[in-house]
PDB file of N, CA and C in Angstrom:
ATOM      1  N   MET A   1      22.880  45.534  -7.671  1.00  0.00           N
ATOM      2  CA  MET A   1      21.805  44.650  -8.092  1.00  0.00           C
ATOM      3  C   MET A   1      20.859  44.459  -6.913  1.00  0.00           C
ATOM      4  N   GLU A   2      19.591  44.430  -7.194  1.00  0.00           N
ATOM      5  CA  GLU A   2      18.598  44.293  -6.147  1.00  0.00           C
ATOM      6  C   GLU A   2      18.556  42.871  -5.594  1.00  0.00           C
ATOM      7  N   ASN A   3      18.060  42.759  -4.404  1.00  0.00           N
ATOM      8  CA  ASN A   3      17.920  41.472  -3.735  1.00  0.00           C
ATOM      9  C   ASN A   3      16.633  40.796  -4.211  1.00  0.00           C
ATOM     10  N   TYR A   4      16.720  39.568  -4.651  1.00  0.00           N
ATOM     11  CA  TYR A   4      15.559  38.804  -5.111  1.00  0.00           C
ATOM     12  C   TYR A   4      15.240  37.745  -4.080  1.00  0.00           C
ATOM     13  N   LYS A   5      14.280  38.046  -3.219  1.00  0.00           N
ATOM     14  CA  LYS A   5      13.953  37.124  -2.132  1.00  0.00           C
ATOM     15  C   LYS A   5      13.357  35.817  -2.631  1.00  0.00           C
ATOM     16  N   LYS A   6      12.735  35.814  -3.801  1.00  0.00           N
ATOM     17  CA  LYS A   6      12.017  34.638  -4.269  1.00  0.00           C
ATOM     18  C   LYS A   6      12.812  33.804  -5.266  1.00  0.00           C
ATOM     19  N   GLU A   7      14.049  34.168  -5.515  1.00  0.00           N
ATOM     20  CA  GLU A   7      14.858  33.450  -6.508  1.00  0.00           C
ATOM     21  C   GLU A   7      14.996  31.983  -6.113  1.00  0.00           C
ATOM     22  N   GLY A   8      14.786  31.101  -7.074  1.00  0.00           N
ATOM     23  CA  GLY A   8      14.927  29.676  -6.827  1.00  0.00           C
ATOM     24  C   GLY A   8      13.665  29.005  -6.338  1.00  0.00           C
ATOM     25  N   GLN A   9      12.633  29.793  -6.034  1.00  0.00           N
ATOM     26  CA  GLN A   9      11.372  29.231  -5.574  1.00  0.00           C
ATOM     27  C   GLN A   9      10.693  28.479  -6.714  1.00  0.00           C
ATOM     28  N   VAL A  10      10.078  27.358  -6.398  1.00  0.00           N
ATOM     29  CA  VAL A  10       9.373  26.577  -7.408  1.00  0.00           C
ATOM     30  C   VAL A  10       7.985  27.166  -7.593  1.00  0.00           C
ATOM     31  N   VAL A  11       7.598  27.370  -8.851  1.00  0.00           N
ATOM     32  CA  VAL A  11       6.282  27.894  -9.188  1.00  0.00           C
ATOM     33  C   VAL A  11       5.486  26.744  -9.786  1.00  0.00           C
ATOM     34  N   GLY A  12       4.575  26.183  -9.008  1.00  0.00           N
ATOM     35  CA  GLY A  12       3.804  25.041  -9.482  1.00  0.00           C
ATOM     36  C   GLY A  12       4.742  23.913  -9.861  1.00  0.00           C
ATOM     37  N   ILE A  13       4.570  23.389 -11.093  1.00  0.00           N
ATOM     38  CA  ILE A  13       5.440  22.311 -11.542  1.00  0.00           C
ATOM     39  C   ILE A  13       6.600  22.825 -12.388  1.00  0.00           C
ATOM     40  N   MET A  14       6.612  24.124 -12.646  1.00  0.00           N
ATOM     41  CA  MET A  14       7.652  24.704 -13.496  1.00  0.00           C
ATOM     42  C   MET A  14       8.661  25.432 -12.609  1.00  0.00           C
ATOM     43  N   ASP A  15       9.933  25.088 -12.693  1.00  0.00           N
ATOM     44  CA  ASP A  15      10.886  25.803 -11.870  1.00  0.00           C
ATOM     45  C   ASP A  15      11.299  27.107 -12.557  1.00  0.00           C
ATOM     46  N   LEU A  16      11.842  27.993 -11.782  1.00  0.00           N
ATOM     47  CA  LEU A  16      12.159  29.331 -12.274  1.00  0.00           C
ATOM     48  C   LEU A  16      13.249  29.325 -13.331  1.00  0.00           C
ATOM     49  N   HIS A  17      14.082  28.311 -13.335  1.00  0.00           N
ATOM     50  CA  HIS A  17      15.129  28.240 -14.356  1.00  0.00           C
ATOM     51  C   HIS A  17      14.528  28.075 -15.742  1.00  0.00           C
ATOM     52  N   ARG A  18      13.425  27.389 -15.838  1.00  0.00           N
ATOM     53  CA  ARG A  18      12.755  27.240 -17.140  1.00  0.00           C
ATOM     54  C   ARG A  18      12.233  28.582 -17.633  1.00  0.00           C
ATOM     55  N   LEU A  19      11.719  29.382 -16.720  1.00  0.00           N
ATOM     56  CA  LEU A  19      11.234  30.709 -17.107  1.00  0.00           C
ATOM     57  C   LEU A  19      12.385  31.571 -17.609  1.00  0.00           C
ATOM     58  N   GLU A  20      13.542  31.425 -16.987  1.00  0.00           N
ATOM     59  CA  GLU A  20      14.730  32.146 -17.442  1.00  0.00           C
ATOM     60  C   GLU A  20      15.147  31.651 -18.828  1.00  0.00           C
ATOM     61  N   GLU A  21      15.032  30.358 -19.048  1.00  0.00           N
ATOM     62  CA  GLU A  21      15.390  29.777 -20.351  1.00  0.00           C
ATOM     63  C   GLU A  21      14.517  30.318 -21.479  1.00  0.00           C
ATOM     64  N   ILE A  22      13.262  30.651 -21.177  1.00  0.00           N
ATOM     65  CA  ILE A  22      12.389  31.178 -22.232  1.00  0.00           C
ATOM     66  C   ILE A  22      12.489  32.687 -22.377  1.00  0.00           C
ATOM     67  N   GLY A  23      13.397  33.301 -21.614  1.00  0.00           N
ATOM     68  CA  GLY A  23      13.706  34.703 -21.831  1.00  0.00           C
ATOM     69  C   GLY A  23      13.240  35.691 -20.789  1.00  0.00           C
ATOM     70  N   LEU A  24      12.624  35.227 -19.705  1.00  0.00           N
ATOM     71  CA  LEU A  24      12.224  36.165 -18.667  1.00  0.00           C
ATOM     72  C   LEU A  24      13.438  36.568 -17.834  1.00  0.00           C
ATOM     73  N   SER A  25      13.462  37.833 -17.435  1.00  0.00           N
ATOM     74  CA  SER A  25      14.527  38.314 -16.556  1.00  0.00           C
ATOM     75  C   SER A  25      14.250  37.823 -15.135  1.00  0.00           C
ATOM     76  N   LYS A  26      15.243  37.938 -14.272  1.00  0.00           N
ATOM     77  CA  LYS A  26      15.050  37.513 -12.885  1.00  0.00           C
ATOM     78  C   LYS A  26      13.952  38.323 -12.217  1.00  0.00           C
ATOM     79  N   ALA A  27      13.899  39.616 -12.489  1.00  0.00           N
ATOM     80  CA  ALA A  27      12.854  40.461 -11.908  1.00  0.00           C
ATOM     81  C   ALA A  27      11.474  40.039 -12.411  1.00  0.00           C
ATOM     82  N   GLU A  28      11.356  39.737 -13.693  1.00  0.00           N
ATOM     83  CA  GLU A  28      10.079  39.287 -14.253  1.00  0.00           C
ATOM     84  C   GLU A  28       9.638  37.982 -13.614  1.00  0.00           C
ATOM     85  N   ILE A  29      10.581  37.088 -13.387  1.00  0.00           N
ATOM     86  CA  ILE A  29      10.272  35.804 -12.761  1.00  0.00           C
ATOM     87  C   ILE A  29       9.788  36.005 -11.332  1.00  0.00           C
ATOM     88  N   VAL A  30      10.443  36.890 -10.618  1.00  0.00           N
ATOM     89  CA  VAL A  30      10.054  37.159  -9.231  1.00  0.00           C
ATOM     90  C   VAL A  30       8.652  37.761  -9.180  1.00  0.00           C
ATOM     91  N   VAL A  31       8.376  38.705 -10.065  1.00  0.00           N
ATOM     92  CA  VAL A  31       7.052  39.336 -10.102  1.00  0.00           C
ATOM     93  C   VAL A  31       5.999  38.312 -10.512  1.00  0.00           C
ATOM     94  N   TYR A  32       6.284  37.527 -11.520  1.00  0.00           N
ATOM     95  CA  TYR A  32       5.357  36.486 -11.979  1.00  0.00           C
ATOM     96  C   TYR A  32       5.046  35.500 -10.857  1.00  0.00           C
ATOM     97  N   SER A  33       6.078  35.063 -10.163  1.00  0.00           N
ATOM     98  CA  SER A  33       5.917  34.131  -9.062  1.00  0.00           C
ATOM     99  C   SER A  33       5.054  34.737  -7.955  1.00  0.00           C
ATOM    100  N   ALA A  34       5.305  35.997  -7.638  1.00  0.00           N
ATOM    101  CA  ALA A  34       4.527  36.672  -6.596  1.00  0.00           C
ATOM    102  C   ALA A  34       3.064  36.807  -7.003  1.00  0.00           C
ATOM    103  N   LEU A  35       2.822  37.094  -8.281  1.00  0.00           N
ATOM    104  CA  LEU A  35       1.443  37.214  -8.759  1.00  0.00           C
ATOM    105  C   LEU A  35       0.721  35.871  -8.717  1.00  0.00           C
ATOM    106  N   LEU A  36       1.423  34.800  -9.019  1.00  0.00           N
ATOM    107  CA  LEU A  36       0.813  33.475  -8.919  1.00  0.00           C
ATOM    108  C   LEU A  36       0.430  33.170  -7.472  1.00  0.00           C
ATOM    109  N   LYS A  37       1.271  33.607  -6.557  1.00  0.00           N
ATOM    110  CA  LYS A  37       1.032  33.349  -5.141  1.00  0.00           C
ATOM    111  C   LYS A  37      -0.092  34.219  -4.586  1.00  0.00           C
ATOM    112  N   THR A  38      -0.095  35.505  -4.944  1.00  0.00           N
ATOM    113  CA  THR A  38      -1.021  36.451  -4.328  1.00  0.00           C
ATOM    114  C   THR A  38      -2.286  36.693  -5.138  1.00  0.00           C
ATOM    115  N   GLY A  39      -2.235  36.428  -6.431  1.00  0.00           N
ATOM    116  CA  GLY A  39      -3.346  36.816  -7.291  1.00  0.00           C
ATOM    117  C   GLY A  39      -3.268  38.307  -7.572  1.00  0.00           C
ATOM    118  N   GLN A  40      -4.363  38.869  -8.046  1.00  0.00           N
ATOM    119  CA  GLN A  40      -4.381  40.296  -8.362  1.00  0.00           C
ATOM    120  C   GLN A  40      -4.113  41.087  -7.094  1.00  0.00           C
ATOM    121  N   THR A  41      -3.182  42.036  -7.175  1.00  0.00           N
ATOM    122  CA  THR A  41      -2.780  42.788  -5.992  1.00  0.00           C
ATOM    123  C   THR A  41      -2.227  44.144  -6.396  1.00  0.00           C
ATOM    124  N   ALA A  42      -2.068  45.005  -5.439  1.00  0.00           N
ATOM    125  CA  ALA A  42      -1.509  46.337  -5.676  1.00  0.00           C
ATOM    126  C   ALA A  42       0.011  46.261  -5.787  1.00  0.00           C
ATOM    127  N   THR A  43       0.568  47.255  -6.449  1.00  0.00           N
ATOM    128  CA  THR A  43       2.020  47.308  -6.628  1.00  0.00           C
ATOM    129  C   THR A  43       2.747  47.372  -5.283  1.00  0.00           C
ATOM    130  N   GLY A  44       2.184  48.101  -4.346  1.00  0.00           N
ATOM    131  CA  GLY A  44       2.802  48.189  -3.011  1.00  0.00           C
ATOM    132  C   GLY A  44       2.909  46.826  -2.340  1.00  0.00           C
ATOM    133  N   ASP A  45       1.886  46.009  -2.529  1.00  0.00           N
ATOM    134  CA  ASP A  45       1.924  44.656  -1.969  1.00  0.00           C
ATOM    135  C   ASP A  45       2.981  43.803  -2.663  1.00  0.00           C
ATOM    136  N   LEU A  46       3.133  43.998  -3.981  1.00  0.00           N
ATOM    137  CA  LEU A  46       4.190  43.275  -4.703  1.00  0.00           C
ATOM    138  C   LEU A  46       5.566  43.709  -4.225  1.00  0.00           C
ATOM    139  N   THR A  47       5.710  44.984  -3.908  1.00  0.00           N
ATOM    140  CA  THR A  47       6.983  45.483  -3.378  1.00  0.00           C
ATOM    141  C   THR A  47       7.323  44.775  -2.073  1.00  0.00           C
ATOM    142  N   LYS A  48       6.335  44.654  -1.204  1.00  0.00           N
ATOM    143  CA  LYS A  48       6.561  43.965   0.080  1.00  0.00           C
ATOM    144  C   LYS A  48       6.838  42.477  -0.123  1.00  0.00           C
ATOM    145  N   GLU A  49       6.104  41.859  -1.034  1.00  0.00           N
ATOM    146  CA  GLU A  49       6.236  40.418  -1.280  1.00  0.00           C
ATOM    147  C   GLU A  49       7.580  40.060  -1.910  1.00  0.00           C
ATOM    148  N   THR A  50       8.073  40.918  -2.814  1.00  0.00           N
ATOM    149  CA  THR A  50       9.264  40.577  -3.589  1.00  0.00           C
ATOM    150  C   THR A  50      10.547  41.242  -3.109  1.00  0.00           C
ATOM    151  N   GLY A  51      10.424  42.386  -2.447  1.00  0.00           N
ATOM    152  CA  GLY A  51      11.608  43.147  -2.072  1.00  0.00           C
ATOM    153  C   GLY A  51      12.154  43.982  -3.217  1.00  0.00           C
ATOM    154  N   LEU A  52      11.415  44.060  -4.325  1.00  0.00           N
ATOM    155  CA  LEU A  52      11.838  44.842  -5.483  1.00  0.00           C
ATOM    156  C   LEU A  52      11.299  46.261  -5.385  1.00  0.00           C
ATOM    157  N   ARG A  53      11.981  47.184  -6.055  1.00  0.00           N
ATOM    158  CA  ARG A  53      11.507  48.568  -6.139  1.00  0.00           C
ATOM    159  C   ARG A  53      10.275  48.636  -7.026  1.00  0.00           C
ATOM    160  N   LYS A  54       9.434  49.644  -6.764  1.00  0.00           N
ATOM    161  CA  LYS A  54       8.224  49.809  -7.577  1.00  0.00           C
ATOM    162  C   LYS A  54       8.558  49.988  -9.052  1.00  0.00           C
ATOM    163  N   SER A  55       9.613  50.733  -9.353  1.00  0.00           N
ATOM    164  CA  SER A  55       9.976  50.953 -10.762  1.00  0.00           C
ATOM    165  C   SER A  55      10.328  49.630 -11.444  1.00  0.00           C
ATOM    166  N   THR A  56      11.000  48.752 -10.723  1.00  0.00           N
ATOM    167  CA  THR A  56      11.341  47.434 -11.271  1.00  0.00           C
ATOM    168  C   THR A  56      10.081  46.608 -11.492  1.00  0.00           C
ATOM    169  N   ILE A  57       9.151  46.693 -10.564  1.00  0.00           N
ATOM    170  CA  ILE A  57       7.893  45.957 -10.700  1.00  0.00           C
ATOM    171  C   ILE A  57       7.103  46.474 -11.895  1.00  0.00           C
ATOM    172  N   TYR A  58       7.001  47.800 -12.040  1.00  0.00           N
ATOM    173  CA  TYR A  58       6.274  48.369 -13.180  1.00  0.00           C
ATOM    174  C   TYR A  58       6.913  47.942 -14.504  1.00  0.00           C
ATOM    175  N   ASN A  59       8.230  47.997 -14.580  1.00  0.00           N
ATOM    176  CA  ASN A  59       8.927  47.575 -15.801  1.00  0.00           C
ATOM    177  C   ASN A  59       8.681  46.105 -16.097  1.00  0.00           C
ATOM    178  N   SER A  60       8.729  45.278 -15.075  1.00  0.00           N
ATOM    179  CA  SER A  60       8.502  43.842 -15.258  1.00  0.00           C
ATOM    180  C   SER A  60       7.077  43.563 -15.699  1.00  0.00           C
ATOM    181  N   LEU A  61       6.115  44.253 -15.103  1.00  0.00           N
ATOM    182  CA  LEU A  61       4.716  44.062 -15.488  1.00  0.00           C
ATOM    183  C   LEU A  61       4.482  44.464 -16.932  1.00  0.00           C
ATOM    184  N   ASP A  62       5.125  45.552 -17.358  1.00  0.00           N
ATOM    185  CA  ASP A  62       5.003  45.974 -18.775  1.00  0.00           C
ATOM    186  C   ASP A  62       5.513  44.889 -19.716  1.00  0.00           C
ATOM    187  N   ARG A  63       6.626  44.241 -19.346  1.00  0.00           N
ATOM    188  CA  ARG A  63       7.216  43.226 -20.222  1.00  0.00           C
ATOM    189  C   ARG A  63       6.451  41.898 -20.163  1.00  0.00           C
ATOM    190  N   LEU A  64       5.824  41.631 -19.016  1.00  0.00           N
ATOM    191  CA  LEU A  64       5.055  40.391 -18.912  1.00  0.00           C
ATOM    192  C   LEU A  64       3.773  40.511 -19.703  1.00  0.00           C
TER     193      LEU A  64
END
């Protein structure tokens, strides 16, 4: 299993556990959180920000 550096981080007023409750995977939550923090960015930057593989990021973006 990949390392999720951002797991447990609070996103605004909504904590990540709520996002999991509505059906997002941990990878989707990490990518979503990183996008909220960075805004529009390249996949390579998301890889650096999250520690996730590019394939995981692409899959998560497709599902989001």
